[in-house]
Amino acid sequence: GKDIYLSQSKIDDYMKCPFKYFSSYVMNIDKNEKAEINQLVVGNFIHSVLENVFKASISEGVSG
């Protein structure tokens, strides 16, 4: 198996909040990382919404 390297501070972090430990040390998520929404993300979101609306209207027999 894999070797696990733990320090006392990592063990303390895990005991305080397992999710924080997982997100910090396993997923390497930086708490200071800034979330940004760009044009590509907005475009993909709008496309997905419209696609689902059209699929639902077709399956329910709604005509435009």
Protein backbone atom coordinates (compact mmCIF):
# COMPACT_ATOMS: atom_id res chain seq x y z
CA GLY A 1 0.00 0.00 0.00
CA LYS A 2 0.81 3.65 0.15
CA ASP A 3 2.75 5.25 2.96
CA ILE A 4 0.84 7.93 4.83
CA TYR A 5 2.77 10.90 6.14
CA LEU A 6 0.96 12.74 8.92
CA SER A 7 2.06 15.51 11.19
CA GLN A 8 0.49 16.41 14.50
CA SER A 9 -1.11 19.49 12.91
CA LYS A 10 -2.69 17.35 10.15
CA ILE A 11 -4.08 14.95 12.74
CA ASP A 12 -5.45 17.90 14.73
CA ASP A 13 -7.03 19.36 11.58
CA TYR A 14 -8.67 16.01 10.82
CA MET A 15 -10.03 15.68 14.35
CA LYS A 16 -11.50 19.21 14.20
CA CYS A 17 -13.12 18.82 10.78
CA PRO A 18 -12.63 15.80 8.47
CA PHE A 19 -14.08 17.72 5.51
CA LYS A 20 -11.58 20.56 5.95
CA TYR A 21 -8.77 18.00 6.11
CA PHE A 22 -10.02 16.31 2.94
CA SER A 23 -10.45 19.54 0.99
CA SER A 24 -7.11 20.96 2.13
CA TYR A 25 -4.78 17.97 2.01
CA VAL A 26 -6.44 15.52 -0.39
CA MET A 27 -8.14 17.84 -2.90
CA ASN A 28 -5.51 20.61 -2.46
CA ILE A 29 -8.17 23.33 -2.46
CA ASP A 30 -6.74 26.69 -1.49
CA LYS A 31 -9.11 28.63 0.75
CA ASN A 32 -7.88 31.90 -0.79
CA GLU A 33 -8.63 30.73 -4.32
CA LYS A 34 -11.03 33.13 -6.00
CA ALA A 35 -14.05 31.78 -7.87
CA GLU A 36 -14.62 33.52 -11.19
CA ILE A 37 -17.41 33.38 -13.71
CA ASN A 38 -16.27 34.04 -17.26
CA GLN A 39 -18.11 34.23 -20.57
CA LEU A 40 -17.45 30.58 -21.38
CA VAL A 41 -19.05 29.41 -18.13
CA VAL A 42 -22.08 31.68 -18.64
CA GLY A 43 -22.46 30.50 -22.25
CA ASN A 44 -22.31 26.85 -21.24
CA PHE A 45 -24.87 27.45 -18.50
CA ILE A 46 -27.31 29.22 -20.83
CA HIS A 47 -26.86 26.53 -23.48
CA SER A 48 -27.57 23.79 -20.93
CA VAL A 49 -30.70 25.55 -19.65
CA LEU A 50 -32.07 26.06 -23.16
CA GLU A 51 -31.28 22.48 -24.14
CA ASN A 52 -33.16 21.14 -21.12
CA VAL A 53 -36.14 23.45 -21.74
CA PHE A 54 -36.41 22.29 -25.36
CA LYS A 55 -36.06 18.62 -24.40
CA ALA A 56 -38.80 18.99 -21.77
CA SER A 57 -41.12 20.82 -24.18
CA ILE A 58 -40.63 18.18 -26.86
CA SER A 59 -41.25 15.30 -24.46
CA GLU A 60 -44.44 17.00 -23.16
CA GLY A 61 -45.66 17.79 -26.68
CA VAL A 62 -45.62 21.55 -26.25
CA SER A 63 -45.45 23.40 -29.57
CA GLY A 64 -43.96 26.85 -30.02
